[in-house]
PDB file of N, CA and C in Angstrom:
ATOM      1  N   MET A   1     -15.465  19.464  20.106  1.00  0.00           N
ATOM      2  CA  MET A   1     -15.783  18.231  19.383  1.00  0.00           C
ATOM      3  C   MET A   1     -15.484  17.060  20.325  1.00  0.00           C
ATOM      4  N   ASN A   2     -16.483  16.204  20.532  1.00  0.00           N
ATOM      5  CA  ASN A   2     -16.245  15.069  21.417  1.00  0.00           C
ATOM      6  C   ASN A   2     -15.452  13.982  20.705  1.00  0.00           C
ATOM      7  N   ARG A   3     -15.035  12.992  21.451  1.00  0.00           N
ATOM      8  CA  ARG A   3     -14.167  11.947  20.892  1.00  0.00           C
ATOM      9  C   ARG A   3     -14.815  11.174  19.754  1.00  0.00           C
ATOM     10  N   ASN A   4     -16.087  10.867  19.882  1.00  0.00           N
ATOM     11  CA  ASN A   4     -16.751  10.104  18.819  1.00  0.00           C
ATOM     12  C   ASN A   4     -16.831  10.917  17.533  1.00  0.00           C
ATOM     13  N   ASN A   5     -17.131  12.205  17.644  1.00  0.00           N
ATOM     14  CA  ASN A   5     -17.168  13.047  16.449  1.00  0.00           C
ATOM     15  C   ASN A   5     -15.786  13.173  15.837  1.00  0.00           C
ATOM     16  N   LEU A   6     -14.767  13.307  16.697  1.00  0.00           N
ATOM     17  CA  LEU A   6     -13.402  13.410  16.194  1.00  0.00           C
ATOM     18  C   LEU A   6     -12.987  12.120  15.490  1.00  0.00           C
ATOM     19  N   LEU A   7     -13.341  10.982  16.087  1.00  0.00           N
ATOM     20  CA  LEU A   7     -13.038   9.690  15.475  1.00  0.00           C
ATOM     21  C   LEU A   7     -13.722   9.571  14.115  1.00  0.00           C
ATOM     22  N   ALA A   8     -14.982   9.958  14.052  1.00  0.00           N
ATOM     23  CA  ALA A   8     -15.711   9.892  12.787  1.00  0.00           C
ATOM     24  C   ALA A   8     -15.051  10.800  11.747  1.00  0.00           C
ATOM     25  N   ALA A   9     -14.639  11.976  12.160  1.00  0.00           N
ATOM     26  CA  ALA A   9     -13.972  12.901  11.240  1.00  0.00           C
ATOM     27  C   ALA A   9     -12.659  12.315  10.736  1.00  0.00           C
ATOM     28  N   MET A  10     -11.901  11.653  11.628  1.00  0.00           N
ATOM     29  CA  MET A  10     -10.631  11.038  11.226  1.00  0.00           C
ATOM     30  C   MET A  10     -10.874   9.934  10.204  1.00  0.00           C
ATOM     31  N   LEU A  11     -11.889   9.117  10.444  1.00  0.00           N
ATOM     32  CA  LEU A  11     -12.179   8.021   9.519  1.00  0.00           C
ATOM     33  C   LEU A  11     -12.634   8.554   8.162  1.00  0.00           C
ATOM     34  N   LEU A  12     -13.434   9.604   8.171  1.00  0.00           N
ATOM     35  CA  LEU A  12     -13.857  10.197   6.905  1.00  0.00           C
ATOM     36  C   LEU A  12     -12.679  10.811   6.160  1.00  0.00           C
ATOM     37  N   ALA A  13     -11.770  11.422   6.906  1.00  0.00           N
ATOM     38  CA  ALA A  13     -10.590  12.013   6.266  1.00  0.00           C
ATOM     39  C   ALA A  13      -9.684  10.942   5.679  1.00  0.00           C
ATOM     40  N   ALA A  14      -9.620   9.773   6.306  1.00  0.00           N
ATOM     41  CA  ALA A  14      -8.748   8.694   5.844  1.00  0.00           C
ATOM     42  C   ALA A  14      -9.363   7.892   4.703  1.00  0.00           C
ATOM     43  N   ALA A  15     -10.668   7.974   4.519  1.00  0.00           N
ATOM     44  CA  ALA A  15     -11.347   7.151   3.510  1.00  0.00           C
ATOM     45  C   ALA A  15     -10.767   7.303   2.112  1.00  0.00           C
ATOM     46  N   PRO A  16     -10.486   8.527   1.648  1.00  0.00           N
ATOM     47  CA  PRO A  16      -9.913   8.621   0.297  1.00  0.00           C
ATOM     48  C   PRO A  16      -8.577   7.890   0.164  1.00  0.00           C
ATOM     49  N   LEU A  17      -7.773   7.923   1.218  1.00  0.00           N
ATOM     50  CA  LEU A  17      -6.495   7.210   1.169  1.00  0.00           C
ATOM     51  C   LEU A  17      -6.710   5.708   1.137  1.00  0.00           C
ATOM     52  N   LEU A  18      -7.704   5.242   1.891  1.00  0.00           N
ATOM     53  CA  LEU A  18      -7.953   3.809   1.947  1.00  0.00           C
ATOM     54  C   LEU A  18      -8.430   3.266   0.610  1.00  0.00           C
ATOM     55  N   PHE A  19      -9.188   4.071  -0.127  1.00  0.00           N
ATOM     56  CA  PHE A  19      -9.769   3.573  -1.362  1.00  0.00           C
ATOM     57  C   PHE A  19      -9.067   4.077  -2.617  1.00  0.00           C
ATOM     58  N   SER A  20      -8.032   4.894  -2.462  1.00  0.00           N
ATOM     59  CA  SER A  20      -7.342   5.426  -3.633  1.00  0.00           C
ATOM     60  C   SER A  20      -6.636   4.334  -4.430  1.00  0.00           C
ATOM     61  N   ASN A  21      -6.163   3.299  -3.764  1.00  0.00           N
ATOM     62  CA  ASN A  21      -5.472   2.225  -4.486  1.00  0.00           C
ATOM     63  C   ASN A  21      -6.432   1.429  -5.359  1.00  0.00           C
ATOM     64  N   VAL A  22      -7.682   1.322  -4.933  1.00  0.00           N
ATOM     65  CA  VAL A  22      -8.667   0.625  -5.754  1.00  0.00           C
ATOM     66  C   VAL A  22      -8.850   1.400  -7.056  1.00  0.00           C
ATOM     67  N   ALA A  23      -8.965   2.699  -6.971  1.00  0.00           N
ATOM     68  CA  ALA A  23      -9.123   3.515  -8.175  1.00  0.00           C
ATOM     69  C   ALA A  23      -7.877   3.423  -9.039  1.00  0.00           C
ATOM     70  N   ALA A  24      -6.708   3.463  -8.421  1.00  0.00           N
ATOM     71  CA  ALA A  24      -5.463   3.381  -9.185  1.00  0.00           C
ATOM     72  C   ALA A  24      -5.347   2.035  -9.884  1.00  0.00           C
ATOM     73  N   ALA A  25      -5.735   0.980  -9.214  1.00  0.00           N
ATOM     74  CA  ALA A  25      -5.666  -0.347  -9.819  1.00  0.00           C
ATOM     75  C   ALA A  25      -6.608  -0.443 -11.017  1.00  0.00           C
ATOM     76  N   ASN A  26      -7.771   0.169 -10.899  1.00  0.00           N
ATOM     77  CA  ASN A  26      -8.731   0.126 -11.999  1.00  0.00           C
ATOM     78  C   ASN A  26      -8.340   1.053 -13.145  1.00  0.00           C
ATOM     79  N   ALA A  27      -7.462   2.029 -12.883  1.00  0.00           N
ATOM     80  CA  ALA A  27      -7.050   2.962 -13.927  1.00  0.00           C
ATOM     81  C   ALA A  27      -6.143   2.301 -14.962  1.00  0.00           C
ATOM     82  N   SER A  28      -5.410   1.276 -14.548  1.00  0.00           N
ATOM     83  CA  SER A  28      -4.534   0.578 -15.490  1.00  0.00           C
ATOM     84  C   SER A  28      -4.778  -0.920 -15.392  1.00  0.00           C
ATOM     85  N   PRO A  29      -5.945  -1.350 -15.864  1.00  0.00           N
ATOM     86  CA  PRO A  29      -6.303  -2.758 -15.706  1.00  0.00           C
ATOM     87  C   PRO A  29      -5.351  -3.683 -16.458  1.00  0.00           C
ATOM     88  N   GLY A  30      -5.093  -4.833 -15.852  1.00  0.00           N
ATOM     89  CA  GLY A  30      -4.313  -5.856 -16.522  1.00  0.00           C
ATOM     90  C   GLY A  30      -2.815  -5.752 -16.360  1.00  0.00           C
ATOM     91  N   THR A  31      -2.299  -4.673 -15.809  1.00  0.00           N
ATOM     92  CA  THR A  31      -0.857  -4.501 -15.714  1.00  0.00           C
ATOM     93  C   THR A  31      -0.201  -5.638 -14.954  1.00  0.00           C
ATOM     94  N   LEU A  32      -0.805  -6.057 -13.870  1.00  0.00           N
ATOM     95  CA  LEU A  32      -0.220  -7.132 -13.068  1.00  0.00           C
ATOM     96  C   LEU A  32      -1.096  -8.382 -13.027  1.00  0.00           C
ATOM     97  N   ASP A  33      -1.912  -8.567 -14.025  1.00  0.00           N
ATOM     98  CA  ASP A  33      -2.716  -9.784 -14.023  1.00  0.00           C
ATOM     99  C   ASP A  33      -1.839 -10.974 -14.416  1.00  0.00           C
ATOM    100  N   PRO A  34      -2.236 -12.176 -14.045  1.00  0.00           N
ATOM    101  CA  PRO A  34      -1.412 -13.362 -14.308  1.00  0.00           C
ATOM    102  C   PRO A  34      -1.073 -13.573 -15.783  1.00  0.00           C
ATOM    103  N   VAL A  35      -1.978 -13.260 -16.673  1.00  0.00           N
ATOM    104  CA  VAL A  35      -1.712 -13.464 -18.092  1.00  0.00           C
ATOM    105  C   VAL A  35      -0.600 -12.530 -18.560  1.00  0.00           C
ATOM    106  N   THR A  36      -0.701 -11.256 -18.188  1.00  0.00           N
ATOM    107  CA  THR A  36       0.315 -10.279 -18.603  1.00  0.00           C
ATOM    108  C   THR A  36       1.680 -10.632 -18.035  1.00  0.00           C
ATOM    109  N   VAL A  37       1.713 -10.984 -16.774  1.00  0.00           N
ATOM    110  CA  VAL A  37       2.995 -11.287 -16.126  1.00  0.00           C
ATOM    111  C   VAL A  37       3.643 -12.520 -16.731  1.00  0.00           C
ATOM    112  N   THR A  38       2.871 -13.548 -16.954  1.00  0.00           N
ATOM    113  CA  THR A  38       3.463 -14.781 -17.493  1.00  0.00           C
ATOM    114  C   THR A  38       3.738 -14.704 -18.985  1.00  0.00           C
ATOM    115  N   ALA A  39       3.110 -13.769 -19.684  1.00  0.00           N
ATOM    116  CA  ALA A  39       3.339 -13.627 -21.120  1.00  0.00           C
ATOM    117  C   ALA A  39       4.485 -12.668 -21.443  1.00  0.00           C
ATOM    118  N   ALA A  40       5.066 -12.039 -20.429  1.00  0.00           N
ATOM    119  CA  ALA A  40       6.137 -11.063 -20.668  1.00  0.00           C
ATOM    120  C   ALA A  40       7.315 -11.742 -21.352  1.00  0.00           C
ATOM    121  N   LYS A  41       7.742 -11.154 -22.488  1.00  0.00           N
ATOM    122  CA  LYS A  41       8.843 -11.742 -23.250  1.00  0.00           C
ATOM    123  C   LYS A  41       9.913 -10.714 -23.612  1.00  0.00           C
ATOM    124  N   THR A  42       9.551  -9.441 -23.634  1.00  0.00           N
ATOM    125  CA  THR A  42      10.495  -8.415 -24.073  1.00  0.00           C
ATOM    126  C   THR A  42      11.005  -7.593 -22.888  1.00  0.00           C
ATOM    127  N   LYS A  43      12.066  -6.857 -23.169  1.00  0.00           N
ATOM    128  CA  LYS A  43      12.604  -5.951 -22.157  1.00  0.00           C
ATOM    129  C   LYS A  43      11.515  -4.976 -21.712  1.00  0.00           C
ATOM    130  N   ALA A  44      10.793  -4.413 -22.664  1.00  0.00           N
ATOM    131  CA  ALA A  44       9.728  -3.445 -22.339  1.00  0.00           C
ATOM    132  C   ALA A  44       8.640  -4.081 -21.477  1.00  0.00           C
ATOM    133  N   ASP A  45       8.293  -5.339 -21.769  1.00  0.00           N
ATOM    134  CA  ASP A  45       7.288  -6.033 -20.963  1.00  0.00           C
ATOM    135  C   ASP A  45       7.735  -6.103 -19.504  1.00  0.00           C
ATOM    136  N   HIS A  46       8.980  -6.542 -19.299  1.00  0.00           N
ATOM    137  CA  HIS A  46       9.475  -6.713 -17.924  1.00  0.00           C
ATOM    138  C   HIS A  46       9.668  -5.376 -17.219  1.00  0.00           C
ATOM    139  N   GLU A  47      10.080  -4.342 -17.959  1.00  0.00           N
ATOM    140  CA  GLU A  47      10.219  -3.018 -17.347  1.00  0.00           C
ATOM    141  C   GLU A  47       8.857  -2.465 -16.937  1.00  0.00           C
ATOM    142  N   ALA A  48       7.843  -2.696 -17.762  1.00  0.00           N
ATOM    143  CA  ALA A  48       6.492  -2.240 -17.429  1.00  0.00           C
ATOM    144  C   ALA A  48       5.968  -2.956 -16.180  1.00  0.00           C
ATOM    145  N   ILE A  49       6.241  -4.241 -16.101  1.00  0.00           N
ATOM    146  CA  ILE A  49       5.805  -5.006 -14.923  1.00  0.00           C
ATOM    147  C   ILE A  49       6.562  -4.522 -13.689  1.00  0.00           C
ATOM    148  N   ALA A  50       7.860  -4.286 -13.820  1.00  0.00           N
ATOM    149  CA  ALA A  50       8.653  -3.773 -12.698  1.00  0.00           C
ATOM    150  C   ALA A  50       8.099  -2.433 -12.229  1.00  0.00           C
ATOM    151  N   ALA A  51       7.759  -1.573 -13.177  1.00  0.00           N
ATOM    152  CA  ALA A  51       7.199  -0.264 -12.813  1.00  0.00           C
ATOM    153  C   ALA A  51       5.876  -0.414 -12.079  1.00  0.00           C
ATOM    154  N   ALA A  52       5.073  -1.371 -12.500  1.00  0.00           N
ATOM    155  CA  ALA A  52       3.792  -1.602 -11.826  1.00  0.00           C
ATOM    156  C   ALA A  52       4.015  -2.090 -10.397  1.00  0.00           C
ATOM    157  N   TYR A  53       4.975  -2.996 -10.211  1.00  0.00           N
ATOM    158  CA  TYR A  53       5.284  -3.455  -8.853  1.00  0.00           C
ATOM    159  C   TYR A  53       5.832  -2.312  -7.998  1.00  0.00           C
ATOM    160  N   GLU A  54       6.639  -1.447  -8.593  1.00  0.00           N
ATOM    161  CA  GLU A  54       7.163  -0.294  -7.852  1.00  0.00           C
ATOM    162  C   GLU A  54       6.038   0.649  -7.445  1.00  0.00           C
ATOM    163  N   ALA A  55       5.052   0.824  -8.321  1.00  0.00           N
ATOM    164  CA  ALA A  55       3.898   1.657  -7.987  1.00  0.00           C
ATOM    165  C   ALA A  55       3.101   1.037  -6.841  1.00  0.00           C
ATOM    166  N   GLU A  56       2.947  -0.286  -6.877  1.00  0.00           N
ATOM    167  CA  GLU A  56       2.250  -0.983  -5.790  1.00  0.00           C
ATOM    168  C   GLU A  56       3.003  -0.798  -4.476  1.00  0.00           C
ATOM    169  N   ALA A  57       4.329  -0.865  -4.544  1.00  0.00           N
ATOM    170  CA  ALA A  57       5.150  -0.679  -3.342  1.00  0.00           C
ATOM    171  C   ALA A  57       4.981   0.728  -2.786  1.00  0.00           C
ATOM    172  N   ALA A  58       4.997   1.711  -3.657  1.00  0.00           N
ATOM    173  CA  ALA A  58       4.835   3.099  -3.205  1.00  0.00           C
ATOM    174  C   ALA A  58       3.466   3.310  -2.565  1.00  0.00           C
ATOM    175  N   ALA A  59       2.436   2.725  -3.145  1.00  0.00           N
ATOM    176  CA  ALA A  59       1.094   2.843  -2.572  1.00  0.00           C
ATOM    177  C   ALA A  59       1.038   2.189  -1.192  1.00  0.00           C
ATOM    178  N   ALA A  60       1.678   1.041  -1.053  1.00  0.00           N
ATOM    179  CA  ALA A  60       1.701   0.353   0.238  1.00  0.00           C
ATOM    180  C   ALA A  60       2.457   1.186   1.282  1.00  0.00           C
ATOM    181  N   GLU A  61       3.537   1.829   0.857  1.00  0.00           N
ATOM    182  CA  GLU A  61       4.293   2.685   1.785  1.00  0.00           C
ATOM    183  C   GLU A  61       3.453   3.883   2.225  1.00  0.00           C
ATOM    184  N   GLN A  62       2.663   4.423   1.321  1.00  0.00           N
ATOM    185  CA  GLN A  62       1.773   5.529   1.696  1.00  0.00           C
ATOM    186  C   GLN A  62       0.738   5.071   2.715  1.00  0.00           C
ATOM    187  N   LYS A  63       0.194   3.891   2.506  1.00  0.00           N
ATOM    188  CA  LYS A  63      -0.779   3.363   3.466  1.00  0.00           C
ATOM    189  C   LYS A  63      -0.116   3.093   4.815  1.00  0.00           C
ATOM    190  N   ALA A  64       1.104   2.599   4.796  1.00  0.00           N
ATOM    191  CA  ALA A  64       1.824   2.367   6.053  1.00  0.00           C
ATOM    192  C   ALA A  64       1.971   3.680   6.814  1.00  0.00           C
ATOM    193  N   GLN A  65       2.368   4.738   6.110  1.00  0.00           N
ATOM    194  CA  GLN A  65       2.529   6.039   6.748  1.00  0.00           C
ATOM    195  C   GLN A  65       1.202   6.560   7.293  1.00  0.00           C
ATOM    196  N   MET A  66       0.137   6.362   6.558  1.00  0.00           N
ATOM    197  CA  MET A  66      -1.180   6.779   7.029  1.00  0.00           C
ATOM    198  C   MET A  66      -1.507   6.083   8.352  1.00  0.00           C
ATOM    199  N   HIS A  67      -1.188   4.791   8.451  1.00  0.00           N
ATOM    200  CA  HIS A  67      -1.492   4.056   9.678  1.00  0.00           C
ATOM    201  C   HIS A  67      -0.581   4.466  10.828  1.00  0.00           C
ATOM    202  N   VAL A  68       0.640   4.897  10.535  1.00  0.00           N
ATOM    203  CA  VAL A  68       1.504   5.453  11.591  1.00  0.00           C
ATOM    204  C   VAL A  68       0.824   6.687  12.178  1.00  0.00           C
ATOM    205  N   GLU A  69       0.327   7.548  11.306  1.00  0.00           N
ATOM    206  CA  GLU A  69      -0.323   8.775  11.743  1.00  0.00           C
ATOM    207  C   GLU A  69      -1.623   8.489  12.484  1.00  0.00           C
ATOM    208  N   MET A  70      -2.400   7.541  11.990  1.00  0.00           N
ATOM    209  CA  MET A  70      -3.649   7.195  12.668  1.00  0.00           C
ATOM    210  C   MET A  70      -3.378   6.592  14.041  1.00  0.00           C
ATOM    211  N   ALA A  71      -2.362   5.750  14.159  1.00  0.00           N
ATOM    212  CA  ALA A  71      -2.022   5.160  15.460  1.00  0.00           C
ATOM    213  C   ALA A  71      -1.677   6.250  16.461  1.00  0.00           C
ATOM    214  N   ALA A  72      -0.929   7.235  16.006  1.00  0.00           N
ATOM    215  CA  ALA A  72      -0.568   8.349  16.897  1.00  0.00           C
ATOM    216  C   ALA A  72      -1.809   9.105  17.340  1.00  0.00           C
ATOM    217  N   LYS A  73      -2.745   9.329  16.449  1.00  0.00           N
ATOM    218  CA  LYS A  73      -3.991  10.024  16.810  1.00  0.00           C
ATOM    219  C   LYS A  73      -4.796   9.210  17.809  1.00  0.00           C
ATOM    220  N   TYR A  74      -4.887   7.911  17.597  1.00  0.00           N
ATOM    221  CA  TYR A  74      -5.619   7.070  18.545  1.00  0.00           C
ATOM    222  C   TYR A  74      -4.969   7.112  19.928  1.00  0.00           C
ATOM    223  N   ARG A  75      -3.633   7.128  19.974  1.00  0.00           N
ATOM    224  CA  ARG A  75      -2.943   7.185  21.269  1.00  0.00           C
ATOM    225  C   ARG A  75      -3.242   8.490  21.998  1.00  0.00           C
ATOM    226  N   GLU A  76      -3.538   9.545  21.253  1.00  0.00           N
ATOM    227  CA  GLU A  76      -3.876  10.815  21.887  1.00  0.00           C
ATOM    228  C   GLU A  76      -5.144  10.710  22.726  1.00  0.00           C
ATOM    229  N   PHE A  77      -6.021   9.768  22.386  1.00  0.00           N
ATOM    230  CA  PHE A  77      -7.255   9.579  23.128  1.00  0.00           C
ATOM    231  C   PHE A  77      -7.032   8.817  24.436  1.00  0.00           C
ATOM    232  N   GLY A  78      -5.914   8.142  24.539  1.00  0.00           N
ATOM    233  CA  GLY A  78      -5.620   7.396  25.755  1.00  0.00           C
ATOM    234  C   GLY A  78      -5.093   6.012  25.451  1.00  0.00           C
ATOM    235  N   THR A  79      -4.743   5.308  26.507  1.00  0.00           N
ATOM    236  CA  THR A  79      -4.138   3.985  26.363  1.00  0.00           C
ATOM    237  C   THR A  79      -5.076   2.861  26.776  1.00  0.00           C
ATOM    238  N   LYS A  80      -6.325   3.185  27.011  1.00  0.00           N
ATOM    239  CA  LYS A  80      -7.300   2.156  27.395  1.00  0.00           C
ATOM    240  C   LYS A  80      -8.200   1.844  26.213  1.00  0.00           C
ATOM    241  N   PRO A  81      -8.842   0.650  26.259  1.00  0.00           N
ATOM    242  CA  PRO A  81      -9.757   0.290  25.182  1.00  0.00           C
ATOM    243  C   PRO A  81     -10.851   1.358  25.037  1.00  0.00           C
ATOM    244  N   PRO A  82     -11.313   1.622  23.841  1.00  0.00           N
ATOM    245  CA  PRO A  82     -10.978   0.969  22.575  1.00  0.00           C
ATOM    246  C   PRO A  82      -9.754   1.565  21.892  1.00  0.00           C
ATOM    247  N   TRP A  83      -9.236   2.695  22.426  1.00  0.00           N
ATOM    248  CA  TRP A  83      -8.166   3.433  21.756  1.00  0.00           C
ATOM    249  C   TRP A  83      -6.888   2.609  21.632  1.00  0.00           C
ATOM    250  N   SER A  84      -6.561   1.857  22.667  1.00  0.00           N
ATOM    251  CA  SER A  84      -5.337   1.045  22.603  1.00  0.00           C
ATOM    252  C   SER A  84      -5.450  -0.021  21.519  1.00  0.00           C
ATOM    253  N   ALA A  85      -6.634  -0.608  21.388  1.00  0.00           N
ATOM    254  CA  ALA A  85      -6.835  -1.641  20.365  1.00  0.00           C
ATOM    255  C   ALA A  85      -6.743  -1.040  18.963  1.00  0.00           C
ATOM    256  N   MET A  86      -7.291   0.163  18.793  1.00  0.00           N
ATOM    257  CA  MET A  86      -7.243   0.806  17.483  1.00  0.00           C
ATOM    258  C   MET A  86      -5.815   1.191  17.118  1.00  0.00           C
ATOM    259  N   SER A  87      -5.068   1.684  18.083  1.00  0.00           N
ATOM    260  CA  SER A  87      -3.673   2.041  17.853  1.00  0.00           C
ATOM    261  C   SER A  87      -2.861   0.798  17.488  1.00  0.00           C
ATOM    262  N   SER A  88      -3.096  -0.285  18.204  1.00  0.00           N
ATOM    263  CA  SER A  88      -2.402  -1.539  17.937  1.00  0.00           C
ATOM    264  C   SER A  88      -2.761  -2.068  16.543  1.00  0.00           C
ATOM    265  N   HIS A  89      -4.017  -1.962  16.191  1.00  0.00           N
ATOM    266  CA  HIS A  89      -4.477  -2.398  14.872  1.00  0.00           C
ATOM    267  C   HIS A  89      -3.730  -1.630  13.777  1.00  0.00           C
ATOM    268  N   CYS A  90      -3.618  -0.320  13.950  1.00  0.00           N
ATOM    269  CA  CYS A  90      -2.911   0.498  12.951  1.00  0.00           C
ATOM    270  C   CYS A  90      -1.430   0.113  12.876  1.00  0.00           C
ATOM    271  N   ALA A  91      -0.828  -0.173  14.016  1.00  0.00           N
ATOM    272  CA  ALA A  91       0.585  -0.575  14.018  1.00  0.00           C
ATOM    273  C   ALA A  91       0.769  -1.891  13.263  1.00  0.00           C
ATOM    274  N   GLN A  92      -0.170  -2.814  13.452  1.00  0.00           N
ATOM    275  CA  GLN A  92      -0.089  -4.087  12.732  1.00  0.00           C
ATOM    276  C   GLN A  92      -0.264  -3.884  11.228  1.00  0.00           C
ATOM    277  N   LEU A  93      -1.210  -3.032  10.859  1.00  0.00           N
ATOM    278  CA  LEU A  93      -1.406  -2.749   9.435  1.00  0.00           C
ATOM    279  C   LEU A  93      -0.182  -2.073   8.839  1.00  0.00           C
ATOM    280  N   LYS A  94       0.427  -1.156   9.582  1.00  0.00           N
ATOM    281  CA  LYS A  94       1.650  -0.504   9.104  1.00  0.00           C
ATOM    282  C   LYS A  94       2.695  -1.553   8.763  1.00  0.00           C
ATOM    283  N   ASN A  95       2.894  -2.513   9.661  1.00  0.00           N
ATOM    284  CA  ASN A  95       3.889  -3.563   9.426  1.00  0.00           C
ATOM    285  C   ASN A  95       3.534  -4.410   8.207  1.00  0.00           C
ATOM    286  N   GLN A  96       2.266  -4.723   8.042  1.00  0.00           N
ATOM    287  CA  GLN A  96       1.849  -5.515   6.887  1.00  0.00           C
ATOM    288  C   GLN A  96       2.052  -4.750   5.585  1.00  0.00           C
ATOM    289  N   TYR A  97       1.724  -3.465   5.590  1.00  0.00           N
ATOM    290  CA  TYR A  97       1.924  -2.660   4.375  1.00  0.00           C
ATOM    291  C   TYR A  97       3.407  -2.512   4.048  1.00  0.00           C
ATOM    292  N   LEU A  98       4.250  -2.367   5.072  1.00  0.00           N
ATOM    293  CA  LEU A  98       5.691  -2.275   4.810  1.00  0.00           C
ATOM    294  C   LEU A  98       6.228  -3.587   4.244  1.00  0.00           C
ATOM    295  N   LYS A  99       5.717  -4.704   4.733  1.00  0.00           N
ATOM    296  CA  LYS A  99       6.124  -6.007   4.190  1.00  0.00           C
ATOM    297  C   LYS A  99       5.656  -6.133   2.739  1.00  0.00           C
ATOM    298  N   THR A 100       4.436  -5.709   2.476  1.00  0.00           N
ATOM    299  CA  THR A 100       3.915  -5.737   1.108  1.00  0.00           C
ATOM    300  C   THR A 100       4.786  -4.887   0.189  1.00  0.00           C
ATOM    301  N   ALA A 101       5.175  -3.712   0.657  1.00  0.00           N
ATOM    302  CA  ALA A 101       6.037  -2.832  -0.145  1.00  0.00           C
ATOM    303  C   ALA A 101       7.367  -3.514  -0.439  1.00  0.00           C
ATOM    304  N   ARG A 102       7.959  -4.125   0.577  1.00  0.00           N
ATOM    305  CA  ARG A 102       9.247  -4.805   0.392  1.00  0.00           C
ATOM    306  C   ARG A 102       9.124  -5.934  -0.630  1.00  0.00           C
ATOM    307  N   LEU A 103       8.088  -6.725  -0.514  1.00  0.00           N
ATOM    308  CA  LEU A 103       7.901  -7.850  -1.440  1.00  0.00           C
ATOM    309  C   LEU A 103       7.661  -7.360  -2.865  1.00  0.00           C
ATOM    310  N   ASN A 104       6.890  -6.285  -3.018  1.00  0.00           N
ATOM    311  CA  ASN A 104       6.668  -5.727  -4.356  1.00  0.00           C
ATOM    312  C   ASN A 104       7.966  -5.193  -4.942  1.00  0.00           C
ATOM    313  N   ARG A 105       8.807  -4.576  -4.121  1.00  0.00           N
ATOM    314  CA  ARG A 105      10.096  -4.077  -4.620  1.00  0.00           C
ATOM    315  C   ARG A 105      11.007  -5.245  -5.018  1.00  0.00           C
ATOM    316  N   GLU A 106      10.927  -6.354  -4.297  1.00  0.00           N
ATOM    317  CA  GLU A 106      11.712  -7.535  -4.668  1.00  0.00           C
ATOM    318  C   GLU A 106      11.262  -8.074  -6.028  1.00  0.00           C
ATOM    319  N   LEU A 107       9.946  -8.125  -6.240  1.00  0.00           N
ATOM    320  CA  LEU A 107       9.440  -8.579  -7.538  1.00  0.00           C
ATOM    321  C   LEU A 107       9.853  -7.619  -8.649  1.00  0.00           C
ATOM    322  N   ALA A 108       9.806  -6.329  -8.376  1.00  0.00           N
ATOM    323  CA  ALA A 108      10.243  -5.339  -9.363  1.00  0.00           C
ATOM    324  C   ALA A 108      11.704  -5.564  -9.724  1.00  0.00           C
ATOM    325  N   ALA A 109      12.537  -5.815  -8.720  1.00  0.00           N
ATOM    326  CA  ALA A 109      13.966  -6.043  -8.968  1.00  0.00           C
ATOM    327  C   ALA A 109      14.178  -7.264  -9.853  1.00  0.00           C
ATOM    328  N   GLU A 110      13.411  -8.308  -9.622  1.00  0.00           N
ATOM    329  CA  GLU A 110      13.540  -9.514 -10.451  1.00  0.00           C
ATOM    330  C   GLU A 110      13.161  -9.227 -11.900  1.00  0.00           C
ATOM    331  N   HIS A 111      12.122  -8.437 -12.098  1.00  0.00           N
ATOM    332  CA  HIS A 111      11.736  -8.106 -13.475  1.00  0.00           C
ATOM    333  C   HIS A 111      12.755  -7.178 -14.124  1.00  0.00           C
ATOM    334  N   HIS A 112      13.384  -6.297 -13.343  1.00  0.00           N
ATOM    335  CA  HIS A 112      14.474  -5.481 -13.897  1.00  0.00           C
ATOM    336  C   HIS A 112      15.630  -6.387 -14.352  1.00  0.00           C
ATOM    337  N   LYS A 113      15.939  -7.413 -13.566  1.00  0.00           N
ATOM    338  CA  LYS A 113      16.995  -8.359 -13.941  1.00  0.00           C
ATOM    339  C   LYS A 113      16.645  -9.086 -15.232  1.00  0.00           C
ATOM    340  N   LEU A 114      15.395  -9.529 -15.327  1.00  0.00           N
ATOM    341  CA  LEU A 114      14.951 -10.210 -16.544  1.00  0.00           C
ATOM    342  C   LEU A 114      15.051  -9.275 -17.741  1.00  0.00           C
ATOM    343  N   ALA A 115      14.671  -8.018 -17.550  1.00  0.00           N
ATOM    344  CA  ALA A 115      14.745  -7.038 -18.646  1.00  0.00           C
ATOM    345  C   ALA A 115      16.200  -6.814 -19.075  1.00  0.00           C
ATOM    346  N   ALA A 116      17.094  -6.753 -18.104  1.00  0.00           N
ATOM    347  CA  ALA A 116      18.517  -6.512 -18.407  1.00  0.00           C
ATOM    348  C   ALA A 116      19.107  -7.658 -19.235  1.00  0.00           C
ATOM    349  N   LYS A 117      18.646  -8.876 -19.002  1.00  0.00           N
ATOM    350  CA  LYS A 117      19.128 -10.021 -19.759  1.00  0.00           C
ATOM    351  C   LYS A 117      18.668  -9.982 -21.214  1.00  0.00           C
ATOM    352  N   LEU A 118      17.627  -9.215 -21.471  1.00  0.00           N
ATOM    353  CA  LEU A 118      17.055  -9.167 -22.825  1.00  0.00           C
ATOM    354  C   LEU A 118      17.601  -8.005 -23.658  1.00  0.00           C
ATOM    355  N   GLN A 119      18.577  -7.300 -23.197  1.00  0.00           N
ATOM    356  CA  GLN A 119      19.111  -6.153 -23.940  1.00  0.00           C
ATOM    357  C   GLN A 119      19.763  -6.581 -25.232  1.00  0.00           C
TER     358      GLN A 119
END
């Protein structure tokens, strides 16, 4: 298998992971929409929102891990363009997804605090 075919196979294999969050988001519409978040008044409301943020964080962590693996595969092709650029791109995305996960976990923690005050 030549490099272009291998690259195409890698991208096809990664496609379900890239688009799985879109399906997950559509499976529970409204959980994190602005109206739901700002209308939260009960302990259950805030716990549900916290759980949704935790799910978003977990999804972001999965995407980060996928990009770690993809970067390693790109490096196997060599350190010259275009492989170096693709590896670097994946490393940057990994960092962004990890930041997204951290921020979502912070929001979840705040909603857990709000829920605890409503006991």
